[in-house]
């Protein structure tokens, strides 16, 4: 039996759990939901026909709206005081007729309230490049000869620590991104490079599959590398005690949601049970003897800051697949 929903757009607007306004192409309010009325302390009757810039203290909100309509693109991360604003074009018969604006409460960084969390996170992020330096140095000792590639790894990881320490506050503020158009395949390759030596050391068979047709997409390359390193390192550690040591890293276009690129990390490691899977990304939750539970949390926060998502599939003794979805059209406001 076919089921249909007889809903008006007002019903849908009312159901959105955040303050929401429908705008015409001039930035004038056509209608709002009750939450937007509460936010502005104005009735829909008063708001109709007035410019959205009169009620939201966002810098350049009209420029953002014009760009969204002109380029048929979503804008997200526009700073409006206690709120972050998202703008999406509205279409009718494939024609852009206006925009949907949603205001979400700004999420506080957990580091602002808990200095111990910040310090543990900092310690964790310094340990990551140190492990790369340690692996390269140990191989140099075994070779007892100069190896340019290993030296480059050491120099690169030292620069990474220097950058982290110089930008200590920015490195842990996941809500502010230094967005530029970047080659996603290059980012993945450069992130995995210092980990290859560890893979060889413990006998991991790894393979990389990059989609060369992926366009440059707007990301904060340093923060995305930070997230990817944590996830790749977790996969490698999960393979250390596994009989079958297979690691595959790939990129491509996501089918659902569309307009997203994906980075997929698949390992044949020990996997996670249902309870562990539910708690993936929760700070301080870890099954590792010497783990902190910070790495996956940092990765999730960084990807979420990009407007993306991390999907995890896993089962005990069958391995884990982590899919990182990054929007190709959504752009952080800082880029404009």
Protein backbone atom coordinates (compact mmCIF):
# COMPACT_ATOMS: atom_id res chain seq x y z
CA UNK A 1 0.00 0.00 0.00
CA UNK A 2 1.42 3.38 -1.03
CA UNK A 3 1.78 5.90 1.76
CA UNK A 4 1.74 9.65 1.08
CA UNK A 5 2.18 12.67 3.33
CA UNK A 6 -0.08 15.62 2.67
CA UNK A 7 2.25 18.30 4.04
CA UNK A 8 2.49 21.99 3.20
CA UNK A 9 5.84 23.75 3.18
CA UNK A 10 4.72 25.56 6.35
CA UNK A 11 4.38 22.14 8.05
CA UNK A 12 7.92 21.24 7.01
CA UNK A 13 9.25 24.63 8.09
CA UNK A 14 7.59 24.25 11.48
CA UNK A 15 9.24 20.81 11.92
CA UNK A 16 12.80 22.08 11.40
CA UNK A 17 14.43 22.07 14.88
CA UNK A 18 16.31 25.35 14.36
CA UNK A 19 15.36 28.97 13.63
CA UNK A 20 14.60 29.04 9.92
CA UNK A 21 13.61 31.74 7.38
CA UNK A 22 12.60 31.61 3.70
CA UNK A 23 14.05 34.55 1.72
CA UNK A 24 13.46 35.91 -1.75
CA UNK A 25 16.32 36.78 -4.11
CA UNK A 26 16.59 40.27 -2.58
CA UNK A 27 17.16 38.96 0.93
CA UNK A 28 13.65 39.86 2.08
CA UNK A 29 11.84 37.52 4.46
CA UNK A 30 8.89 35.62 2.99
CA UNK A 31 8.11 33.51 6.04
CA UNK A 32 9.75 32.05 9.16
CA UNK A 33 9.13 29.25 11.62
CA UNK A 34 8.23 29.74 15.28
CA UNK A 35 11.81 29.22 16.42
CA UNK A 36 12.93 32.13 14.26
CA UNK A 37 10.17 34.26 15.79
CA UNK A 38 11.53 33.37 19.24
CA UNK A 39 15.10 34.13 18.17
CA UNK A 40 14.24 37.64 16.94
CA UNK A 41 11.36 38.24 19.39
CA UNK A 42 9.32 39.38 16.37
CA UNK A 43 6.16 37.95 14.82
CA UNK A 44 6.10 36.52 11.31
CA UNK A 45 3.71 39.32 10.35
CA UNK A 46 6.29 41.93 11.42
CA UNK A 47 9.22 40.08 9.77
CA UNK A 48 7.62 39.56 6.34
CA UNK A 49 9.04 41.84 3.66
CA UNK A 50 11.95 43.06 5.78
CA UNK A 51 15.62 42.42 5.03
CA UNK A 52 17.19 39.50 6.88
CA UNK A 53 20.23 41.72 7.65
CA UNK A 54 18.03 43.80 9.98
CA UNK A 55 17.67 40.87 12.40
CA UNK A 56 20.91 38.88 12.23
CA UNK A 57 24.24 40.49 13.14
CA UNK A 58 26.24 38.59 10.53
CA UNK A 59 29.04 40.35 8.70
CA UNK A 60 28.37 40.37 4.94
CA UNK A 61 25.22 38.25 5.17
CA UNK A 62 23.81 39.93 2.04
CA UNK A 63 27.03 39.16 0.11
CA UNK A 64 26.79 35.54 1.25
CA UNK A 65 23.16 35.34 0.10
CA UNK A 66 23.97 36.83 -3.31
CA UNK A 67 26.83 34.38 -3.79
CA UNK A 68 24.65 31.44 -2.77
CA UNK A 69 22.01 32.41 -5.34
CA UNK A 70 24.46 33.35 -8.09
CA UNK A 71 26.51 30.14 -7.88
CA UNK A 72 23.73 27.79 -6.66
CA UNK A 73 25.88 26.76 -3.72
CA UNK A 74 25.41 26.24 -0.01
CA UNK A 75 27.03 28.61 2.46
CA UNK A 76 27.75 27.35 5.94
CA UNK A 77 29.67 28.52 8.97
CA UNK A 78 28.69 32.21 8.70
CA UNK A 79 29.37 33.69 12.15
CA UNK A 80 26.36 35.46 13.66
CA UNK A 81 27.27 35.96 17.31
CA UNK A 82 25.81 33.06 19.28
CA UNK A 83 24.66 31.38 16.06
CA UNK A 84 26.18 29.87 12.93
CA UNK A 85 24.13 30.51 9.78
CA UNK A 86 23.61 28.17 6.83
CA UNK A 87 22.16 29.36 3.50
CA UNK A 88 20.90 27.06 0.76
CA UNK A 89 19.31 28.03 -2.58
CA UNK A 90 15.61 27.22 -3.11
CA UNK A 91 14.61 25.83 -6.49
CA UNK A 92 11.34 25.74 -8.41
CA UNK A 93 11.31 23.85 -11.73
CA UNK A 94 15.13 23.99 -11.74
CA UNK A 95 15.09 27.78 -11.31
CA UNK A 96 16.58 29.49 -8.26
CA UNK A 97 13.76 31.47 -6.64
CA UNK A 98 15.14 32.28 -3.21
CA UNK A 99 17.02 30.82 -0.27
CA UNK A 100 16.50 28.88 2.94
CA UNK A 101 18.36 30.24 5.96
CA UNK A 102 18.91 28.18 9.12
CA UNK A 103 20.55 29.49 12.30
CA UNK A 104 22.12 26.88 14.56
CA UNK A 105 23.46 27.58 18.08
CA UNK A 106 27.24 27.86 18.03
CA UNK A 107 28.91 24.80 19.56
CA UNK A 108 31.38 25.51 22.32
CA UNK A 109 34.78 23.93 22.08
CA UNK A 110 35.17 21.36 24.88
CA UNK A 111 38.70 22.71 25.42
CA UNK A 112 37.31 26.08 26.55
CA UNK A 113 35.93 24.54 29.73
CA UNK A 114 38.32 21.67 30.40
CA UNK A 115 42.03 22.53 30.28
CA UNK A 116 42.98 18.90 31.01
CA UNK A 117 41.21 17.83 27.82
CA UNK A 118 43.15 20.47 25.91
CA UNK A 119 46.48 19.33 27.35
CA UNK A 120 45.79 15.67 26.66
CA UNK A 121 44.75 16.56 23.12
CA UNK A 122 47.95 18.57 22.63
CA UNK A 123 50.05 15.70 23.96
CA UNK A 124 48.29 13.29 21.62
CA UNK A 125 48.85 15.48 18.57
CA UNK A 126 52.56 15.92 19.33
CA UNK A 127 52.97 12.16 19.78
CA UNK A 128 51.66 11.49 16.26
CA UNK A 129 54.50 13.20 14.34
CA UNK A 130 57.00 11.96 16.93
CA UNK A 131 56.01 8.40 16.07
CA UNK A 132 56.73 9.15 12.41
CA UNK A 133 60.15 10.62 13.33
CA UNK A 134 60.89 7.63 15.55
CA UNK A 135 60.03 5.13 12.80
CA UNK A 136 62.15 6.91 10.20
CA UNK A 137 65.11 7.31 12.59
CA UNK A 138 65.05 3.62 13.52
CA UNK A 139 65.11 2.65 9.85
CA UNK A 140 68.06 4.99 9.27
CA UNK A 141 69.93 3.26 12.10
CA UNK A 142 69.27 -0.12 10.50
CA UNK A 143 70.37 1.07 7.06
CA UNK A 144 73.49 2.76 8.46
CA UNK A 145 73.47 4.99 5.37
CA UNK A 146 71.90 8.19 4.16
CA UNK A 147 68.34 7.85 2.84
CA UNK A 148 66.84 11.06 1.47
CA UNK A 149 63.24 9.88 1.71
CA UNK A 150 63.58 9.02 5.42
CA UNK A 151 65.30 12.32 6.16
CA UNK A 152 62.48 14.15 4.37
CA UNK A 153 59.95 12.36 6.60
CA UNK A 154 61.84 13.48 9.72
CA UNK A 155 62.10 17.09 8.52
CA UNK A 156 58.43 17.15 7.51
CA UNK A 157 57.26 15.82 10.87
CA UNK A 158 59.46 18.26 12.79
CA UNK A 159 57.90 21.11 10.81
CA UNK A 160 54.50 19.70 11.69
CA UNK A 161 55.31 19.87 15.43
CA UNK A 162 56.61 23.42 15.00
CA UNK A 163 53.40 24.43 13.25
CA UNK A 164 51.29 22.81 15.93
CA UNK A 165 53.11 24.61 18.73
CA UNK A 166 53.06 27.98 16.93
CA UNK A 167 49.31 27.75 16.37
CA UNK A 168 48.37 25.93 19.54
CA UNK A 169 44.99 27.57 20.05
CA UNK A 170 44.01 27.50 16.39
CA UNK A 171 44.95 23.85 16.12
CA UNK A 172 42.29 22.90 18.66
CA UNK A 173 39.61 25.33 17.54
CA UNK A 174 37.70 23.12 15.14
CA UNK A 175 35.07 25.75 14.32
CA UNK A 176 37.50 28.07 12.49
CA UNK A 177 39.03 26.72 9.29
CA UNK A 178 41.66 28.15 6.96
CA UNK A 179 39.86 27.02 3.83
CA UNK A 180 41.49 26.83 0.40
CA UNK A 181 40.86 24.68 -2.66
CA UNK A 182 43.08 21.64 -2.32
CA UNK A 183 43.81 18.34 -4.07
CA UNK A 184 42.24 15.68 -1.84
CA UNK A 185 44.37 12.87 -3.27
CA UNK A 186 47.55 14.82 -2.49
CA UNK A 187 46.39 15.42 1.10
CA UNK A 188 45.71 11.69 1.63
CA UNK A 189 49.03 10.68 0.08
CA UNK A 190 51.05 13.16 2.16
CA UNK A 191 49.26 12.10 5.35
CA UNK A 192 49.95 8.41 4.78
CA UNK A 193 53.60 8.91 3.76
CA UNK A 194 55.13 8.92 7.29
CA UNK A 195 53.04 5.85 8.19
CA UNK A 196 54.27 3.67 5.33
CA UNK A 197 57.45 2.72 7.20
CA UNK A 198 55.43 1.47 10.18
CA UNK A 199 53.29 -0.60 7.80
CA UNK A 200 56.37 -2.23 6.32
CA UNK A 201 57.82 -2.84 9.78
CA UNK A 202 54.85 -4.91 10.95
CA UNK A 203 54.13 -6.54 7.58
CA UNK A 204 50.98 -4.70 6.51
CA UNK A 205 50.00 -5.05 2.86
CA UNK A 206 48.65 -1.64 1.96
CA UNK A 207 47.11 -0.32 -1.25
CA UNK A 208 46.13 3.19 -2.32
CA UNK A 209 43.41 3.91 -4.88
CA UNK A 210 42.90 7.55 -5.86
CA UNK A 211 40.20 8.86 -8.21
CA UNK A 212 42.16 11.21 -10.51
CA UNK A 213 38.97 12.96 -11.67
CA UNK A 214 38.23 14.46 -8.25
CA UNK A 215 38.27 18.28 -8.46
CA UNK A 216 40.05 20.50 -5.98
CA UNK A 217 37.74 21.00 -3.03
CA UNK A 218 37.62 23.64 -0.26
CA UNK A 219 39.23 22.27 2.92
CA UNK A 220 41.64 23.21 5.66
CA UNK A 221 44.44 20.90 4.53
CA UNK A 222 46.37 20.93 7.82
CA UNK A 223 43.35 20.14 9.96
CA UNK A 224 42.16 17.47 7.51
CA UNK A 225 45.62 15.86 7.61
CA UNK A 226 45.37 15.92 11.41
CA UNK A 227 42.06 14.04 11.25
CA UNK A 228 43.25 11.53 8.64
CA UNK A 229 46.49 10.79 10.48
CA UNK A 230 44.56 9.88 13.62
CA UNK A 231 42.23 7.54 11.71
CA UNK A 232 45.00 5.91 9.66
CA UNK A 233 47.11 5.38 12.77
CA UNK A 234 44.15 3.72 14.51
CA UNK A 235 43.72 1.32 11.58
CA UNK A 236 47.42 0.42 11.58
CA UNK A 237 47.34 -0.24 15.33
CA UNK A 238 44.28 -2.46 14.87
CA UNK A 239 46.31 -4.57 12.40
CA UNK A 240 49.29 -5.14 14.68
CA UNK A 241 47.74 -8.19 16.39
CA UNK A 242 45.70 -9.35 13.41
CA UNK A 243 46.63 -12.48 11.45
CA UNK A 244 45.59 -10.90 8.16
CA UNK A 245 47.19 -7.50 7.69
CA UNK A 246 45.43 -5.69 4.86
CA UNK A 247 44.95 -1.91 4.62
CA UNK A 248 43.22 -0.11 1.76
CA UNK A 249 42.88 3.65 1.40
CA UNK A 250 40.81 5.10 -1.42
CA UNK A 251 39.14 8.29 -2.61
CA UNK A 252 36.18 8.94 -4.88
CA UNK A 253 32.79 10.52 -5.42
CA UNK A 254 30.09 9.67 -2.89
CA UNK A 255 26.79 8.46 -4.40
CA UNK A 256 24.80 9.45 -1.35
CA UNK A 257 24.95 12.21 -0.35
CA UNK A 258 25.74 13.69 -3.76
CA UNK A 259 28.25 16.53 -4.15
CA UNK A 260 30.47 14.88 -1.54
CA UNK A 261 33.88 13.28 -1.93
CA UNK A 262 34.87 10.34 0.21
CA UNK A 263 38.06 9.01 1.76
CA UNK A 264 37.72 5.38 2.77
CA UNK A 265 40.09 3.55 5.13
CA UNK A 266 39.51 -0.21 5.30
CA UNK A 267 41.51 -2.56 7.50
CA UNK A 268 41.31 -6.30 8.25
CA UNK A 269 42.13 -5.71 11.92
CA UNK A 270 40.53 -6.79 15.17
CA UNK A 271 37.39 -4.72 14.60
CA UNK A 272 34.95 -3.31 17.15
CA UNK A 273 31.96 -4.78 18.90
CA UNK A 274 28.60 -3.00 18.91
CA UNK A 275 29.19 -1.21 22.21
CA UNK A 276 32.64 0.06 21.20
CA UNK A 277 31.25 1.19 17.86
CA UNK A 278 28.54 3.25 19.58
CA UNK A 279 31.18 5.07 21.61
CA UNK A 280 33.50 5.79 18.69
CA UNK A 281 34.69 9.40 18.90
CA UNK A 282 33.84 9.93 22.58
CA UNK A 283 36.79 11.60 24.37
CA UNK A 284 38.71 9.35 26.81
CA UNK A 285 36.87 6.21 25.72
CA UNK A 286 39.42 3.74 24.41
CA UNK A 287 40.05 -0.01 24.34
CA UNK A 288 43.81 0.49 23.95
CA UNK A 289 46.04 -0.14 26.94
CA UNK A 290 47.91 3.15 26.46
CA UNK A 291 45.27 5.05 24.49
CA UNK A 292 43.59 8.34 25.36
CA UNK A 293 40.47 8.19 23.19
CA UNK A 294 41.31 11.67 21.87
CA UNK A 295 42.33 10.81 18.29
CA UNK A 296 38.95 9.73 16.91
CA UNK A 297 37.25 12.60 18.78
CA UNK A 298 39.57 15.15 17.13
CA UNK A 299 38.98 13.54 13.73
CA UNK A 300 35.18 13.69 14.11
CA UNK A 301 35.27 17.33 15.22
CA UNK A 302 37.48 18.39 12.31
CA UNK A 303 35.36 16.58 9.72
CA UNK A 304 32.18 17.98 11.28
CA UNK A 305 33.72 21.45 11.07
CA UNK A 306 34.05 20.93 7.31
CA UNK A 307 30.34 20.12 7.07
CA UNK A 308 31.22 16.46 6.61
CA UNK A 309 30.64 13.21 8.42
CA UNK A 310 32.50 10.07 9.49
CA UNK A 311 30.74 6.73 8.98
CA UNK A 312 32.11 3.63 10.70
CA UNK A 313 31.35 -0.03 9.89
CA UNK A 314 33.00 -2.69 12.00
CA UNK A 315 32.61 -6.09 13.56
CA UNK A 316 34.95 -8.17 15.75
CA UNK A 317 37.69 -10.06 13.84
CA UNK A 318 36.37 -8.79 10.49
CA UNK A 319 37.97 -5.37 10.44
CA UNK A 320 36.77 -1.82 10.13
CA UNK A 321 35.83 0.55 7.33
CA UNK A 322 35.88 4.27 8.02
CA UNK A 323 34.34 6.56 5.41
CA UNK A 324 35.07 10.28 5.64
CA UNK A 325 32.57 12.37 3.67
CA UNK A 326 33.67 15.89 2.69
CA UNK A 327 31.38 18.31 0.81
CA UNK A 328 32.73 19.49 -2.55
CA UNK A 329 30.47 22.56 -2.86
CA UNK A 330 30.01 23.71 0.72
CA UNK A 331 32.57 26.30 1.63
CA UNK A 332 33.64 27.78 4.94
CA UNK A 333 32.88 31.51 5.11
CA UNK A 334 36.51 32.28 5.92
CA UNK A 335 37.41 31.61 2.28
CA UNK A 336 35.39 34.50 0.91
